[in-house]
C-alpha atoms as a PDB file:
ATOM      1  CA  UNK A   1      10.491   6.821 -11.261  1.00  0.00           C
ATOM      2  CA  UNK A   2      11.500   3.377 -10.139  1.00  0.00           C
ATOM      3  CA  UNK A   3      13.907   1.929  -7.657  1.00  0.00           C
ATOM      4  CA  UNK A   4      15.362  -1.571  -7.971  1.00  0.00           C
ATOM      5  CA  UNK A   5      15.985  -3.546  -4.797  1.00  0.00           C
ATOM      6  CA  UNK A   6      16.079  -7.150  -3.580  1.00  0.00           C
ATOM      7  CA  UNK A   7      12.358  -6.793  -2.953  1.00  0.00           C
ATOM      8  CA  UNK A   8      11.827  -6.050  -6.703  1.00  0.00           C
ATOM      9  CA  UNK A   9      11.323  -2.996  -8.869  1.00  0.00           C
ATOM     10  CA  UNK A  10       9.237  -0.420  -6.882  1.00  0.00           C
ATOM     11  CA  UNK A  11       7.450   2.645  -8.150  1.00  0.00           C
ATOM     12  CA  UNK A  12       8.520   5.891  -6.533  1.00  0.00           C
ATOM     13  CA  UNK A  13       6.049   8.791  -6.425  1.00  0.00           C
ATOM     14  CA  UNK A  14       7.039  12.129  -4.873  1.00  0.00           C
ATOM     15  CA  UNK A  15       3.991  14.065  -3.661  1.00  0.00           C
ATOM     16  CA  UNK A  16       5.378  17.176  -2.071  1.00  0.00           C
ATOM     17  CA  UNK A  17       8.403  18.824  -0.534  1.00  0.00           C
ATOM     18  CA  UNK A  18       9.306  21.139   2.300  1.00  0.00           C
ATOM     19  CA  UNK A  19      12.312  22.847   3.796  1.00  0.00           C
ATOM     20  CA  UNK A  20      13.118  21.575   7.290  1.00  0.00           C
ATOM     21  CA  UNK A  21      16.124  22.954   9.101  1.00  0.00           C
ATOM     22  CA  UNK A  22      19.032  22.558   6.641  1.00  0.00           C
ATOM     23  CA  UNK A  23      17.404  19.917   4.375  1.00  0.00           C
ATOM     24  CA  UNK A  24      14.853  19.644   1.571  1.00  0.00           C
ATOM     25  CA  UNK A  25      12.406  16.906   2.594  1.00  0.00           C
ATOM     26  CA  UNK A  26      10.371  15.060  -0.048  1.00  0.00           C
ATOM     27  CA  UNK A  27       7.266  13.127   1.003  1.00  0.00           C
ATOM     28  CA  UNK A  28       7.018  10.066  -1.268  1.00  0.00           C
ATOM     29  CA  UNK A  29       5.717   6.565  -1.701  1.00  0.00           C
ATOM     30  CA  UNK A  30       8.107   3.740  -2.605  1.00  0.00           C
ATOM     31  CA  UNK A  31       6.038   0.647  -3.426  1.00  0.00           C
ATOM     32  CA  UNK A  32       3.544   0.533  -0.626  1.00  0.00           C
ATOM     33  CA  UNK A  33       5.684   2.450   1.913  1.00  0.00           C
ATOM     34  CA  UNK A  34       5.329   6.157   2.773  1.00  0.00           C
ATOM     35  CA  UNK A  35       8.862   7.576   2.988  1.00  0.00           C
ATOM     36  CA  UNK A  36      10.617  10.916   3.667  1.00  0.00           C
ATOM     37  CA  UNK A  37      13.689  11.628   1.597  1.00  0.00           C
ATOM     38  CA  UNK A  38      16.024  14.096   3.247  1.00  0.00           C
ATOM     39  CA  UNK A  39      18.505  15.886   0.988  1.00  0.00           C
ATOM     40  CA  UNK A  40      21.234  18.042   2.462  1.00  0.00           C
ATOM     41  CA  UNK A  41      23.888  20.194   0.815  1.00  0.00           C
ATOM     42  CA  UNK A  42      26.271  17.356   0.087  1.00  0.00           C
ATOM     43  CA  UNK A  43      23.469  15.475  -1.647  1.00  0.00           C
ATOM     44  CA  UNK A  44      22.660  18.516  -3.816  1.00  0.00           C
ATOM     45  CA  UNK A  45      26.330  18.944  -4.752  1.00  0.00           C
ATOM     46  CA  UNK A  46      26.325  15.341  -5.902  1.00  0.00           C
ATOM     47  CA  UNK A  47      23.071  15.614  -7.884  1.00  0.00           C
ATOM     48  CA  UNK A  48      24.139  18.858  -9.481  1.00  0.00           C
ATOM     49  CA  UNK A  49      27.477  17.370 -10.468  1.00  0.00           C
ATOM     50  CA  UNK A  50      25.554  14.527 -12.202  1.00  0.00           C
ATOM     51  CA  UNK A  51      23.003  16.890 -13.800  1.00  0.00           C
ATOM     52  CA  UNK A  52      25.721  19.094 -15.283  1.00  0.00           C
ATOM     53  CA  UNK A  53      27.849  16.238 -16.514  1.00  0.00           C
ATOM     54  CA  UNK A  54      27.989  16.738 -20.357  1.00  0.00           C
ATOM     55  CA  UNK A  55      26.723  13.162 -21.062  1.00  0.00           C
ATOM     56  CA  UNK A  56      23.698  13.691 -18.813  1.00  0.00           C
ATOM     57  CA  UNK A  57      22.956  17.105 -20.298  1.00  0.00           C
ATOM     58  CA  UNK A  58      23.085  15.701 -23.815  1.00  0.00           C
ATOM     59  CA  UNK A  59      20.789  12.839 -22.735  1.00  0.00           C
ATOM     60  CA  UNK A  60      18.310  15.324 -21.261  1.00  0.00           C
ATOM     61  CA  UNK A  61      18.386  17.707 -24.259  1.00  0.00           C
ATOM     62  CA  UNK A  62      17.948  14.868 -26.752  1.00  0.00           C
ATOM     63  CA  UNK A  63      15.022  13.369 -24.894  1.00  0.00           C
ATOM     64  CA  UNK A  64      13.233  16.609 -24.122  1.00  0.00           C
ATOM     65  CA  UNK A  65      13.655  18.398 -27.403  1.00  0.00           C
ATOM     66  CA  UNK A  66      14.294  15.618 -29.988  1.00  0.00           C
ATOM     67  CA  UNK A  67      12.195  12.696 -28.801  1.00  0.00           C
ATOM     68  CA  UNK A  68       9.383  12.579 -31.322  1.00  0.00           C
ATOM     69  CA  UNK A  69       7.735   9.426 -29.814  1.00  0.00           C
ATOM     70  CA  UNK A  70       5.989  11.461 -27.053  1.00  0.00           C
END
């Protein structure tokens, strides 16, 4: 995974996750920085709405099941 920023394109690596209070917390590395990504219920609603968008579902299905280059 990559993130683009004014500092450039940075690799993102998620190492583990945990449940803390009312959030899912991902421990990750972005570029050279250790980060914690906190996702709450509103964040999950947004990501689920993106994931279940028909265009995104079609993209995922095509690339998982019909991409012969991997």
